[in-house]
Amino acid sequence: MEFLVAVWICCGVCCAIIAEKKYRDQTLWFFLGILFGIFALITIALLPSA
């Protein structure tokens, strides 16, 4: 269980970092990364820069 929590937090941090580089809201993408995990990470990676 702790492993899954760590993965979700890592997904949130990675989403926030990618969102920053694409000029998108970091806080929003951090929480989306925690909530949706790898799906949010794939989504932010595929989105164009704002």
Protein backbone atom coordinates (compact mmCIF):
# COMPACT_ATOMS: atom_id res chain seq x y z
CA MET A 1 0.00 0.00 0.00
CA GLU A 2 2.83 2.40 0.83
CA PHE A 3 4.31 1.72 -2.59
CA LEU A 4 1.12 2.88 -4.32
CA VAL A 5 1.02 6.07 -2.27
CA ALA A 6 4.64 6.75 -3.21
CA VAL A 7 3.85 6.16 -6.90
CA TRP A 8 0.85 8.54 -6.75
CA ILE A 9 2.94 11.25 -5.10
CA CYS A 10 5.70 10.77 -7.68
CA CYS A 11 3.14 11.06 -10.47
CA GLY A 12 1.87 14.28 -8.92
CA VAL A 13 5.36 15.75 -8.68
CA CYS A 14 6.23 14.70 -12.24
CA CYS A 15 2.98 16.21 -13.53
CA ALA A 16 3.75 19.49 -11.74
CA ILE A 17 7.26 19.61 -13.22
CA ILE A 18 6.01 18.95 -16.75
CA ALA A 19 3.19 21.47 -16.28
CA GLU A 20 5.72 24.12 -15.25
CA LYS A 21 7.74 23.52 -18.41
CA LYS A 22 4.57 23.80 -20.51
CA TYR A 23 3.39 26.99 -18.75
CA ARG A 24 0.36 25.33 -17.18
CA ASP A 25 -0.98 25.43 -13.62
CA GLN A 26 1.39 23.38 -11.46
CA THR A 27 -0.91 23.02 -8.47
CA LEU A 28 -3.79 21.75 -10.57
CA TRP A 29 -1.61 19.19 -12.32
CA PHE A 30 -0.02 18.10 -9.05
CA PHE A 31 -3.42 17.17 -7.65
CA LEU A 32 -4.56 15.65 -10.94
CA GLY A 33 -1.39 13.55 -10.89
CA ILE A 34 -2.15 12.34 -7.38
CA LEU A 35 -5.78 11.65 -8.23
CA PHE A 36 -5.36 9.98 -11.64
CA GLY A 37 -1.74 8.81 -11.47
CA ILE A 38 -0.17 7.65 -14.70
CA PHE A 39 -3.18 8.76 -16.76
CA ALA A 40 -2.63 12.41 -15.76
CA LEU A 41 1.08 12.03 -16.46
CA ILE A 42 0.39 10.78 -19.98
CA THR A 43 -2.16 13.54 -20.55
CA ILE A 44 0.12 16.42 -19.50
CA ALA A 45 2.97 14.92 -21.51
CA LEU A 46 0.82 14.92 -24.65
CA LEU A 47 -0.68 18.40 -24.20
CA PRO A 48 0.89 21.26 -26.16
CA SER A 49 2.39 24.24 -24.36
CA ALA A 50 -0.07 26.90 -23.27
